[in-house]
Amino acid sequence: MAHDLDHKRTGGAPHWKPEDILGTISLKTLLFSDDYRHIALKGILTAFVMLALGGAFAMIFRTELAVPGAQFLGARGYMTLMTLHGMIMVFGFLIPLTISVCYYMLPKVLGNDRLEWPKVAHWSYWVLIVAAVLLVIGRPDFTWTAYAPMSLRVGGSLVWMGHLAILLVAISEFLAGFVLWRNAIAGVTASGGWKMLPMMGWASAVVGLLLIVATIPLGMIGLGLFTDWMEISAWFDPARGGSVKLFLYIFWTYGHPAVYLPFIPAIAILYTLMPRILGRPMWSYWSGVVAFLLLGLFAMPIGPHHFQPLYTISGWYERMIQIFTLLVFIPSVLHVFNWIATLWSDPIPASARASVPFKFMVSSIAFIIYGGATAYVNAQIATDSDFIHNTYWIPAHFHAMFFGFAGQMAFAGFYYLFPYFTGRMYNQKMANSHFWLWQIGLFTKITMMFVAGYAYFPRWVYDYLPLQEWMMPQMMITAAGYLIGLGFIIFVYNVAVSARRGQKAPNEPWPVEQDGAVPSAAPAE
């Protein structure tokens, strides 16, 4: 059960108060200030712009896929939009958003009220902006995995911008890793040792190391593709003696840890918010710490399961990768059990049930269970090789984990931080509309992707045969996408209006109300 010190170790005592940062800040200060609040706010707002851009690309190609037959997109246009969507959503939205929320929360939870190495965080931000601009201008159509030699043969004369963007993303994430690791170490001193470090500190240490180590292979991919395209080198071009097998192993040494780069910060946000909203410590501190360490340990070596049906992996090595992949279930279950035990240990306060951050938190837990349980099929060599590999089953899994869990948990963090950024409360009715549209949209979209994958619907196609088992899921996936888009529009409108005209936030925006009454600090309607 929870230790008496867990209140401190999970960051239970708040160290902040609401303030109108957004309404009083100048553009110059927002862009260049070393204040961690400004750095975090800048990253969050930019991530929302990236979400709008990546989501718009998705809605265009999803409209094309709603019915069979080529409507308005050809293969080239579809692949370009799909590539931009995937890269922007992962590199521009999910990873920066979860990290930016942690940038704000980490100094507050640790109580030192500053972000170490803020200028490095600035460099990380601006390098990512340059990467995003290059990506959009270059319009690559080689998919987010940039597989060679395809990524050297397609994309037109500006495809090199996509290669360079990959290199810059690696540099940006590498720098962010140093910022998180440095702040975790500072947190050890501020908290009085590793045994007293809040969960946010442990998560920052683990994901910081992952960012530092895993982005080196990504940088090698971006640099290798760029120099191969310029014909300076021949790392991955088989026509000139390069190795596609080398590309696979280098890329997925980053590609699988990339899953955990937004995943671990999202878990940290959950561990930070849950004790505050429920008014009690987590059920177990050390199981969460062990789970973080195991996630970091297993993240690196299991990348080859992404191409285990190929000749490049076989025999005892293939079996070892499968076993390590299945072992990832252990830390994941440790986290989920810890959260459920904390929820189950006492009645949930009425204030928690009424708060939108709590609703997003509980939904995130449901989606990590959904995505994790179905991932068991992915890990099996036989079912992966003969059944689901390169079908819609795969994007269904990572949409559940990426958007259903990490994305929604980041939104839970933003809703919680909204009064601290604006000094005001959001509109409750619009926030609830956003929540329910996303739950219906995400669950329908992900479930129908699983259904399409079960019917062998392939990835990366812009047209398909008019088979009933394909047409119905595709139409429903598209309709669900529109619901998600509508929810995001409501969210943006709510933020824009409430930041200026919302009810002023009290000193404690999130009081824990146990008596079932409407919380005195409930968001304005």
Protein backbone atom coordinates (compact mmCIF):
# COMPACT_ATOMS: atom_id res chain seq x y z
CA MET A 1 0.00 0.00 0.00
CA ALA A 2 0.95 3.63 -0.26
CA HIS A 3 3.68 4.97 1.97
CA ASP A 4 3.13 8.16 4.00
CA LEU A 5 5.84 9.88 1.96
CA ASP A 6 4.07 9.16 -1.32
CA HIS A 7 2.21 12.46 -1.08
CA LYS A 8 5.53 14.21 -1.58
CA ARG A 9 7.05 11.67 -3.94
CA THR A 10 4.15 11.86 -6.39
CA GLY A 11 4.12 15.64 -6.27
CA GLY A 12 0.93 15.77 -4.23
CA ALA A 13 1.46 19.22 -2.69
CA PRO A 14 0.82 21.94 -5.31
CA HIS A 15 3.46 24.63 -5.69
CA TRP A 16 1.70 26.91 -8.11
CA LYS A 17 -1.23 29.31 -8.46
CA PRO A 18 -3.36 30.50 -11.40
CA GLU A 19 -1.99 33.43 -13.39
CA ASP A 20 -2.85 35.05 -16.69
CA ILE A 21 0.28 34.19 -18.65
CA LEU A 22 -1.43 33.93 -22.03
CA GLY A 23 -3.24 37.26 -21.81
CA THR A 24 -0.31 39.36 -20.63
CA ILE A 25 2.65 37.90 -22.48
CA SER A 26 4.17 39.62 -25.52
CA LEU A 27 5.09 37.68 -28.64
CA LYS A 28 8.78 38.42 -28.08
CA THR A 29 8.62 37.08 -24.53
CA LEU A 30 6.69 34.00 -25.62
CA LEU A 31 9.25 33.16 -28.29
CA PHE A 32 12.49 33.95 -26.49
CA SER A 33 11.94 34.00 -22.71
CA ASP A 34 13.88 31.49 -20.60
CA ASP A 35 10.98 31.21 -18.15
CA TYR A 36 9.86 27.57 -18.10
CA ARG A 37 6.20 28.65 -18.20
CA HIS A 38 6.76 30.48 -21.48
CA ILE A 39 8.82 27.63 -22.94
CA ALA A 40 6.09 25.13 -22.05
CA LEU A 41 3.26 27.33 -23.33
CA LYS A 42 5.08 27.95 -26.62
CA GLY A 43 5.61 24.22 -27.12
CA ILE A 44 1.99 23.37 -26.28
CA LEU A 45 0.50 25.98 -28.62
CA THR A 46 2.83 24.92 -31.44
CA ALA A 47 1.86 21.27 -30.90
CA PHE A 48 -1.81 22.20 -31.27
CA VAL A 49 -1.02 23.93 -34.57
CA MET A 50 0.75 20.76 -35.68
CA LEU A 51 -2.30 18.71 -34.64
CA ALA A 52 -4.55 20.95 -36.72
CA LEU A 53 -2.24 20.60 -39.71
CA GLY A 54 -1.73 16.84 -39.39
CA GLY A 55 -5.42 16.33 -38.72
CA ALA A 56 -6.39 18.33 -41.82
CA PHE A 57 -4.12 16.14 -43.96
CA ALA A 58 -5.76 13.06 -42.44
CA MET A 59 -9.27 14.29 -43.17
CA ILE A 60 -8.41 14.85 -46.82
CA PHE A 61 -7.17 11.31 -47.43
CA ARG A 62 -9.82 9.83 -45.15
CA THR A 63 -12.48 11.47 -47.31
CA GLU A 64 -10.85 9.80 -50.31
CA LEU A 65 -10.97 6.43 -48.55
CA ALA A 66 -14.62 6.71 -47.44
CA VAL A 67 -15.77 4.83 -50.56
CA PRO A 68 -13.90 2.67 -53.09
CA GLY A 69 -12.68 4.21 -56.31
CA ALA A 70 -10.37 7.15 -56.93
CA GLN A 71 -12.35 10.30 -56.03
CA PHE A 72 -9.94 13.25 -56.09
CA LEU A 73 -6.56 11.93 -54.90
CA GLY A 74 -4.11 9.93 -56.95
CA ALA A 75 -1.48 7.62 -55.50
CA ARG A 76 1.12 10.39 -55.30
CA GLY A 77 -1.17 12.84 -53.51
CA TYR A 78 -2.40 10.20 -51.10
CA MET A 79 1.10 9.04 -50.16
CA THR A 80 2.26 12.63 -49.68
CA LEU A 81 -0.62 13.43 -47.32
CA MET A 82 -0.18 10.15 -45.47
CA THR A 83 3.54 10.80 -45.01
CA LEU A 84 3.02 14.37 -43.79
CA HIS A 85 0.22 13.25 -41.47
CA GLY A 86 2.28 10.51 -39.85
CA MET A 87 5.45 12.54 -39.41
CA ILE A 88 3.72 15.71 -38.18
CA MET A 89 1.50 13.86 -35.71
CA VAL A 90 4.38 11.92 -34.14
CA PHE A 91 7.27 14.39 -34.40
CA GLY A 92 5.33 17.67 -34.33
CA PHE A 93 2.34 16.96 -32.10
CA LEU A 94 2.59 13.98 -29.73
CA ILE A 95 6.22 14.07 -28.62
CA PRO A 96 6.47 17.90 -28.31
CA LEU A 97 3.09 18.20 -26.56
CA THR A 98 3.79 15.63 -23.85
CA ILE A 99 7.30 16.97 -23.32
CA SER A 100 6.06 20.58 -23.15
CA VAL A 101 3.46 19.69 -20.52
CA CYS A 102 6.28 18.06 -18.54
CA TYR A 103 8.40 21.20 -18.99
CA TYR A 104 5.73 23.09 -17.04
CA MET A 105 4.93 20.44 -14.46
CA LEU A 106 8.44 19.25 -13.63
CA PRO A 107 9.72 22.45 -11.94
CA LYS A 108 6.44 22.77 -10.03
CA VAL A 109 6.38 19.19 -8.82
CA LEU A 110 10.03 19.37 -7.76
CA GLY A 111 9.47 22.72 -6.10
CA ASN A 112 12.54 24.43 -7.60
CA ASP A 113 10.39 26.64 -9.88
CA ARG A 114 12.83 26.70 -12.79
CA LEU A 115 13.76 24.67 -15.83
CA GLU A 116 17.43 23.76 -16.04
CA TRP A 117 19.12 24.43 -19.40
CA PRO A 118 16.30 26.57 -20.86
CA LYS A 119 18.43 27.70 -23.82
CA VAL A 120 18.90 24.08 -24.85
CA ALA A 121 15.11 23.71 -24.73
CA HIS A 122 14.89 26.76 -27.03
CA TRP A 123 17.31 25.24 -29.52
CA SER A 124 15.28 22.02 -29.46
CA TYR A 125 12.11 23.99 -30.24
CA TRP A 126 13.52 26.09 -33.08
CA VAL A 127 15.28 23.18 -34.76
CA LEU A 128 11.95 21.32 -34.78
CA ILE A 129 10.22 24.32 -36.37
CA VAL A 130 12.80 24.37 -39.18
CA ALA A 131 12.26 20.60 -39.64
CA ALA A 132 8.49 21.09 -39.92
CA VAL A 133 8.88 23.85 -42.52
CA LEU A 134 11.25 21.72 -44.61
CA LEU A 135 8.88 18.78 -44.36
CA VAL A 136 5.86 20.72 -45.62
CA ILE A 137 7.82 22.41 -48.43
CA GLY A 138 9.53 19.18 -49.49
CA ARG A 139 6.26 17.18 -49.48
CA PRO A 140 7.90 13.73 -49.30
CA ASP A 141 5.77 10.71 -50.19
CA PHE A 142 7.98 7.95 -48.79
CA THR A 143 5.83 7.24 -45.65
CA TRP A 144 6.90 8.16 -42.12
CA THR A 145 9.33 5.22 -41.98
CA ALA A 146 11.27 6.59 -45.01
CA TYR A 147 12.26 3.08 -46.09
CA ALA A 148 15.22 2.92 -48.47
CA PRO A 149 15.58 2.61 -51.37
CA MET A 150 12.01 3.92 -51.93
CA SER A 151 12.77 7.17 -50.10
CA LEU A 152 15.67 7.73 -52.53
CA ARG A 153 13.57 7.11 -55.64
CA VAL A 154 10.31 9.02 -55.00
CA GLY A 155 9.27 12.47 -53.84
CA GLY A 156 10.49 14.71 -56.64
CA SER A 157 13.35 17.18 -56.68
CA LEU A 158 12.66 18.50 -53.16
CA VAL A 159 12.62 15.15 -51.40
CA TRP A 160 16.00 15.97 -49.85
CA MET A 161 14.13 18.39 -47.59
CA GLY A 162 12.35 15.42 -46.07
CA HIS A 163 15.67 13.69 -45.45
CA LEU A 164 17.10 16.82 -43.85
CA ALA A 165 13.93 17.21 -41.76
CA ILE A 166 14.52 13.74 -40.30
CA LEU A 167 18.05 14.75 -39.29
CA LEU A 168 16.77 17.96 -37.66
CA VAL A 169 14.04 16.09 -35.78
CA ALA A 170 16.74 13.84 -34.36
CA ILE A 171 18.77 16.85 -33.24
CA SER A 172 15.70 18.48 -31.68
CA GLU A 173 14.74 15.38 -29.72
CA PHE A 174 18.37 14.78 -28.72
CA LEU A 175 18.52 18.25 -27.16
CA ALA A 176 15.16 17.76 -25.43
CA GLY A 177 16.53 14.55 -23.93
CA PHE A 178 19.40 16.45 -22.32
CA VAL A 179 16.96 19.00 -20.89
CA LEU A 180 14.77 16.32 -19.31
CA TRP A 181 17.73 14.33 -17.98
CA ARG A 182 19.35 17.44 -16.50
CA ASN A 183 16.12 18.43 -14.76
CA ALA A 184 15.64 14.92 -13.41
CA ILE A 185 19.13 15.08 -11.88
CA ALA A 186 18.32 18.51 -10.43
CA GLY A 187 15.16 16.98 -9.03
CA VAL A 188 17.17 14.35 -7.17
CA THR A 189 18.95 17.14 -5.30
CA ALA A 190 15.78 19.16 -4.76
CA SER A 191 13.82 16.15 -3.49
CA GLY A 192 16.53 14.75 -1.23
CA GLY A 193 17.63 11.71 -3.23
CA TRP A 194 16.36 9.18 -5.74
CA LYS A 195 14.07 7.56 -3.13
CA MET A 196 12.21 10.83 -2.74
CA LEU A 197 12.10 11.79 -6.42
CA PRO A 198 8.53 12.41 -7.69
CA MET A 199 7.27 10.17 -10.47
CA MET A 200 7.65 13.01 -12.96
CA GLY A 201 11.37 13.06 -12.13
CA TRP A 202 11.78 9.31 -12.71
CA ALA A 203 9.92 9.54 -16.02
CA SER A 204 12.05 12.49 -17.13
CA ALA A 205 15.23 10.58 -16.32
CA VAL A 206 14.13 7.52 -18.30
CA VAL A 207 12.71 9.30 -21.33
CA GLY A 208 15.62 11.76 -21.30
CA LEU A 209 18.09 8.90 -21.66
CA LEU A 210 15.91 7.30 -24.36
CA LEU A 211 15.85 10.56 -26.31
CA ILE A 212 19.62 10.93 -26.05
CA VAL A 213 20.41 7.35 -27.07
CA ALA A 214 17.62 6.51 -29.53
CA THR A 215 17.78 9.68 -31.62
CA ILE A 216 21.38 9.00 -32.65
CA PRO A 217 20.20 6.24 -35.05
CA LEU A 218 17.48 8.57 -36.37
CA GLY A 219 20.12 11.19 -37.10
CA MET A 220 22.14 8.55 -38.93
CA ILE A 221 19.07 7.74 -41.04
CA GLY A 222 18.43 11.37 -41.94
CA LEU A 223 22.09 12.06 -42.70
CA GLY A 224 22.50 8.81 -44.64
CA LEU A 225 19.42 9.41 -46.81
CA PHE A 226 20.45 13.01 -47.45
CA THR A 227 24.02 12.15 -48.49
CA ASP A 228 22.86 9.08 -50.47
CA TRP A 229 20.41 11.26 -52.40
CA MET A 230 23.20 13.76 -53.06
CA GLU A 231 25.34 10.75 -54.19
CA ILE A 232 28.00 11.67 -51.66
CA SER A 233 27.60 8.32 -49.91
CA ALA A 234 25.93 4.95 -50.50
CA TRP A 235 24.80 3.75 -47.08
CA PHE A 236 21.31 2.59 -48.00
CA ASP A 237 21.16 2.62 -51.81
CA PRO A 238 21.53 -0.99 -53.05
CA ALA A 239 22.11 0.21 -56.62
CA ARG A 240 25.43 1.64 -55.44
CA GLY A 241 26.40 -1.02 -52.90
CA GLY A 242 24.29 0.18 -49.95
CA SER A 243 22.35 -2.07 -47.57
CA VAL A 244 18.59 -2.01 -47.03
CA LYS A 245 19.08 -4.42 -44.14
CA LEU A 246 21.37 -1.88 -42.48
CA PHE A 247 18.64 0.74 -42.88
CA LEU A 248 16.05 -1.49 -41.19
CA TYR A 249 18.18 -2.17 -38.13
CA ILE A 250 19.31 1.43 -37.71
CA PHE A 251 15.85 2.92 -38.23
CA TRP A 252 13.99 0.61 -35.87
CA THR A 253 16.63 1.11 -33.20
CA TYR A 254 14.95 4.52 -33.03
CA GLY A 255 11.54 3.62 -34.46
CA HIS A 256 10.40 1.43 -31.59
CA PRO A 257 11.75 3.60 -28.73
CA ALA A 258 9.92 6.44 -30.52
CA VAL A 259 6.70 4.86 -29.25
CA TYR A 260 7.83 5.51 -25.69
CA LEU A 261 8.95 9.11 -26.25
CA PRO A 262 5.38 10.47 -25.84
CA PHE A 263 4.22 7.38 -23.92
CA ILE A 264 6.47 7.78 -20.84
CA PRO A 265 5.82 11.54 -20.39
CA ALA A 266 2.08 10.85 -20.71
CA ILE A 267 2.37 8.26 -17.93
CA ALA A 268 4.23 10.86 -15.85
CA ILE A 269 1.42 13.37 -16.37
CA LEU A 270 -1.07 10.75 -15.19
CA TYR A 271 0.98 10.01 -12.05
CA THR A 272 1.14 13.75 -11.34
CA LEU A 273 -2.56 14.50 -11.84
CA MET A 274 -4.20 11.45 -10.29
CA PRO A 275 -3.17 12.06 -6.63
CA ARG A 276 -4.06 15.74 -6.94
CA ILE A 277 -7.52 15.15 -8.39
CA LEU A 278 -8.37 12.24 -6.07
CA GLY A 279 -6.80 13.81 -2.99
CA ARG A 280 -4.80 10.71 -2.07
CA PRO A 281 -1.39 9.23 -2.96
CA MET A 282 -0.86 6.54 -5.56
CA TRP A 283 -1.43 2.97 -4.43
CA SER A 284 2.24 2.12 -4.99
CA TYR A 285 5.26 4.34 -5.60
CA TRP A 286 7.93 1.71 -6.21
CA SER A 287 5.95 -0.38 -8.69
CA GLY A 288 5.64 2.76 -10.83
CA VAL A 289 9.38 3.43 -10.57
CA VAL A 290 10.24 -0.17 -11.50
CA ALA A 291 7.81 0.00 -14.43
CA PHE A 292 9.48 3.16 -15.74
CA LEU A 293 12.90 1.54 -15.56
CA LEU A 294 11.68 -1.64 -17.30
CA LEU A 295 10.04 0.37 -20.09
CA GLY A 296 13.34 2.14 -20.69
CA LEU A 297 15.21 -1.17 -20.62
CA PHE A 298 12.94 -3.03 -23.06
CA ALA A 299 12.39 -0.09 -25.43
CA MET A 300 15.67 -0.36 -27.31
CA PRO A 301 16.28 -4.00 -28.29
CA ILE A 302 12.86 -5.03 -29.65
CA GLY A 303 12.71 -2.86 -32.77
CA PRO A 304 13.22 -5.84 -35.14
CA HIS A 305 9.72 -7.13 -34.35
CA HIS A 306 8.56 -4.46 -36.82
CA PHE A 307 10.03 -6.50 -39.66
CA GLN A 308 10.01 -10.02 -38.24
CA PRO A 309 8.22 -11.54 -41.29
CA LEU A 310 11.29 -10.69 -43.41
CA TYR A 311 14.33 -12.83 -44.08
CA THR A 312 16.49 -10.39 -42.09
CA ILE A 313 15.39 -11.88 -38.77
CA SER A 314 14.98 -15.60 -38.09
CA GLY A 315 15.78 -18.47 -35.75
CA TRP A 316 16.82 -17.93 -32.14
CA TYR A 317 17.16 -14.17 -32.63
CA GLU A 318 13.58 -13.90 -33.85
CA ARG A 319 12.38 -15.90 -30.81
CA MET A 320 14.40 -13.70 -28.48
CA ILE A 321 12.84 -10.55 -29.94
CA GLN A 322 9.39 -12.08 -29.51
CA ILE A 323 10.09 -12.89 -25.85
CA PHE A 324 11.44 -9.41 -25.11
CA THR A 325 8.40 -7.90 -26.82
CA LEU A 326 6.07 -9.93 -24.63
CA LEU A 327 8.06 -8.88 -21.55
CA VAL A 328 7.00 -5.27 -22.22
CA PHE A 329 3.59 -6.30 -20.93
CA ILE A 330 5.07 -6.51 -17.41
CA PRO A 331 5.84 -2.79 -16.88
CA SER A 332 2.69 -1.80 -18.75
CA VAL A 333 0.54 -3.95 -16.48
CA LEU A 334 2.40 -2.65 -13.41
CA HIS A 335 1.39 0.89 -14.35
CA VAL A 336 -2.21 0.01 -15.19
CA PHE A 337 -2.69 -2.04 -12.02
CA ASN A 338 -1.26 0.83 -9.97
CA TRP A 339 -3.75 3.28 -11.50
CA ILE A 340 -6.74 0.98 -11.10
CA ALA A 341 -5.77 0.16 -7.51
CA THR A 342 -5.52 3.89 -6.74
CA LEU A 343 -8.96 4.52 -8.26
CA TRP A 344 -10.41 1.49 -6.46
CA SER A 345 -8.90 2.14 -3.02
CA ASP A 346 -11.48 4.76 -1.96
CA PRO A 347 -14.62 6.38 -3.35
CA ILE A 348 -13.91 8.78 -6.20
CA PRO A 349 -14.68 12.37 -5.13
CA ALA A 350 -17.55 14.16 -6.83
CA SER A 351 -15.13 16.91 -7.86
CA ALA A 352 -13.07 14.34 -9.77
CA ARG A 353 -16.11 12.90 -11.54
CA ALA A 354 -17.07 16.42 -12.64
CA SER A 355 -13.63 17.42 -13.93
CA VAL A 356 -12.76 17.02 -17.59
CA PRO A 357 -9.06 16.25 -16.89
CA PHE A 358 -10.16 13.25 -14.81
CA LYS A 359 -12.48 12.05 -17.58
CA PHE A 360 -9.67 12.19 -20.12
CA MET A 361 -7.42 10.39 -17.64
CA VAL A 362 -9.83 7.50 -17.13
CA SER A 363 -10.44 7.25 -20.88
CA SER A 364 -6.68 7.14 -21.46
CA ILE A 365 -6.39 4.19 -19.09
CA ALA A 366 -9.17 2.41 -21.00
CA PHE A 367 -7.39 2.96 -24.32
CA ILE A 368 -4.02 1.75 -23.06
CA ILE A 369 -5.76 -1.47 -21.95
CA TYR A 370 -7.52 -1.75 -25.33
CA GLY A 371 -4.38 -1.10 -27.36
CA GLY A 372 -2.18 -3.22 -25.11
CA ALA A 373 -4.47 -6.25 -25.08
CA THR A 374 -4.75 -6.29 -28.87
CA ALA A 375 -0.95 -5.87 -29.15
CA TYR A 376 -0.54 -9.46 -27.96
CA VAL A 377 -1.43 -10.53 -31.51
CA ASN A 378 1.23 -8.20 -32.97
CA ALA A 379 3.98 -9.77 -30.86
CA GLN A 380 3.40 -13.34 -32.08
CA ILE A 381 5.61 -14.35 -34.97
CA ALA A 382 2.97 -16.56 -36.62
CA THR A 383 0.01 -14.17 -36.42
CA ASP A 384 2.14 -11.17 -37.33
CA SER A 385 3.76 -12.86 -40.33
CA ASP A 386 0.70 -14.61 -41.74
CA PHE A 387 -2.21 -12.49 -40.59
CA ILE A 388 -1.83 -8.85 -39.56
CA HIS A 389 1.50 -7.52 -40.84
CA ASN A 390 0.93 -4.40 -42.98
CA THR A 391 -2.83 -4.56 -42.48
CA TYR A 392 -4.99 -1.95 -40.72
CA TRP A 393 -4.58 -3.95 -37.51
CA ILE A 394 -1.20 -2.24 -37.00
CA PRO A 395 -2.37 1.42 -37.25
CA ALA A 396 -5.34 0.47 -35.05
CA HIS A 397 -2.90 -0.58 -32.32
CA PHE A 398 -0.67 2.47 -32.48
CA HIS A 399 -3.61 4.89 -32.77
CA ALA A 400 -4.95 3.40 -29.53
CA MET A 401 -1.59 3.82 -27.81
CA PHE A 402 -0.50 7.10 -29.41
CA PHE A 403 -3.74 9.06 -29.60
CA GLY A 404 -6.08 7.11 -27.33
CA PHE A 405 -3.61 7.11 -24.45
CA ALA A 406 -0.70 9.54 -24.93
CA GLY A 407 -2.62 12.21 -26.86
CA GLN A 408 -5.63 12.20 -24.56
CA MET A 409 -3.42 12.20 -21.46
CA ALA A 410 -1.65 15.28 -22.81
CA PHE A 411 -5.05 16.95 -23.24
CA ALA A 412 -5.91 16.00 -19.66
CA GLY A 413 -2.73 17.78 -18.60
CA PHE A 414 -3.58 20.86 -20.66
CA TYR A 415 -7.13 21.11 -19.29
CA TYR A 416 -5.68 20.83 -15.79
CA LEU A 417 -3.10 23.54 -16.51
CA PHE A 418 -5.53 25.87 -18.32
CA PRO A 419 -6.28 28.05 -15.24
CA TYR A 420 -2.56 28.25 -14.48
CA PHE A 421 -1.88 29.56 -17.98
CA THR A 422 -4.87 31.93 -18.27
CA GLY A 423 -6.12 32.69 -14.75
CA ARG A 424 -9.55 31.53 -15.92
CA MET A 425 -11.58 28.33 -16.15
CA TYR A 426 -12.64 26.73 -19.40
CA ASN A 427 -16.30 26.29 -20.36
CA GLN A 428 -17.47 23.00 -18.87
CA LYS A 429 -20.17 22.23 -21.42
CA MET A 430 -17.88 22.71 -24.42
CA ALA A 431 -15.11 20.71 -22.72
CA ASN A 432 -17.55 17.86 -22.11
CA SER A 433 -18.66 18.02 -25.75
CA HIS A 434 -15.03 17.77 -26.82
CA PHE A 435 -14.51 14.80 -24.50
CA TRP A 436 -17.52 12.78 -25.67
CA LEU A 437 -16.97 13.49 -29.37
CA TRP A 438 -13.43 12.20 -28.98
CA GLN A 439 -14.47 9.09 -27.09
CA ILE A 440 -17.05 8.14 -29.69
CA GLY A 441 -14.76 9.12 -32.57
CA LEU A 442 -11.60 7.47 -31.27
CA PHE A 443 -13.25 4.25 -30.17
CA THR A 444 -15.14 3.92 -33.46
CA LYS A 445 -12.09 4.75 -35.55
CA ILE A 446 -9.74 2.38 -33.75
CA THR A 447 -12.27 -0.46 -33.55
CA MET A 448 -13.11 -0.18 -37.25
CA MET A 449 -9.39 -0.20 -38.04
CA PHE A 450 -9.14 -3.48 -36.16
CA VAL A 451 -12.16 -4.79 -38.10
CA ALA A 452 -10.58 -3.75 -41.41
CA GLY A 453 -7.28 -5.32 -40.41
CA TYR A 454 -9.07 -8.54 -39.47
CA ALA A 455 -10.46 -8.51 -43.04
CA TYR A 456 -6.88 -8.12 -44.42
CA PHE A 457 -7.32 -4.51 -45.54
CA PRO A 458 -3.78 -3.39 -46.50
CA ARG A 459 -2.00 -0.24 -45.37
CA TRP A 460 -0.84 2.47 -47.77
CA VAL A 461 -3.57 2.15 -50.42
CA TYR A 462 -5.72 4.99 -51.77
CA ASP A 463 -8.19 2.75 -53.62
CA TYR A 464 -9.64 -0.66 -52.92
CA LEU A 465 -12.08 -3.28 -54.18
CA PRO A 466 -15.78 -2.74 -53.37
CA LEU A 467 -15.93 -5.55 -50.82
CA GLN A 468 -18.51 -5.20 -48.07
CA GLU A 469 -16.03 -6.20 -45.35
CA TRP A 470 -13.84 -3.28 -46.49
CA MET A 471 -16.39 -0.60 -47.43
CA MET A 472 -18.27 -0.48 -44.12
CA PRO A 473 -15.19 -0.07 -41.89
CA GLN A 474 -13.66 2.57 -44.18
CA MET A 475 -16.84 4.66 -44.19
CA MET A 476 -17.09 4.45 -40.40
CA ILE A 477 -13.41 5.32 -39.91
CA THR A 478 -13.92 8.44 -42.02
CA ALA A 479 -17.09 9.41 -40.14
CA ALA A 480 -15.27 8.90 -36.83
CA GLY A 481 -12.45 11.11 -38.09
CA TYR A 482 -14.93 13.93 -38.67
CA LEU A 483 -16.21 13.55 -35.10
CA ILE A 484 -12.64 13.84 -33.80
CA GLY A 485 -12.11 16.93 -35.97
CA LEU A 486 -15.34 18.49 -34.70
CA GLY A 487 -14.24 17.85 -31.12
CA PHE A 488 -10.93 19.59 -31.79
CA ILE A 489 -12.68 22.63 -33.30
CA ILE A 490 -14.85 22.90 -30.17
CA PHE A 491 -11.71 22.62 -28.05
CA VAL A 492 -9.95 25.42 -29.93
CA TYR A 493 -13.02 27.68 -29.69
CA ASN A 494 -13.37 26.92 -25.98
CA VAL A 495 -9.73 27.78 -25.30
CA ALA A 496 -9.86 30.99 -27.36
CA VAL A 497 -13.06 32.28 -25.72
CA SER A 498 -12.46 31.07 -22.17
CA ALA A 499 -8.94 32.50 -22.07
CA ARG A 500 -10.49 35.96 -22.43
CA ARG A 501 -13.97 35.68 -20.94
CA GLY A 502 -14.00 32.55 -18.79
CA GLN A 503 -14.79 32.59 -15.08
CA LYS A 504 -11.80 33.72 -13.05
CA ALA A 505 -10.00 30.82 -11.43
CA PRO A 506 -9.86 30.63 -7.62
CA ASN A 507 -6.56 30.16 -5.81
CA GLU A 508 -7.16 26.39 -5.87
CA PRO A 509 -8.87 25.57 -9.19
CA TRP A 510 -9.15 21.86 -8.38
CA PRO A 511 -10.42 21.43 -4.79
CA VAL A 512 -11.21 17.87 -3.73
CA GLU A 513 -14.92 17.70 -2.82
CA GLN A 514 -15.90 14.52 -1.01
CA ASP A 515 -19.50 15.34 -0.07
CA GLY A 516 -21.08 15.01 -3.50
CA ALA A 517 -21.83 18.72 -3.82
CA VAL A 518 -20.93 20.69 -6.92
CA PRO A 519 -17.33 21.89 -6.43
CA SER A 520 -17.10 25.55 -5.50
CA ALA A 521 -14.39 26.02 -8.10
CA ALA A 522 -16.21 24.27 -10.92
CA PRO A 523 -15.40 25.59 -14.40
CA ALA A 524 -17.69 28.31 -15.71
CA GLU A 525 -20.59 27.49 -17.95
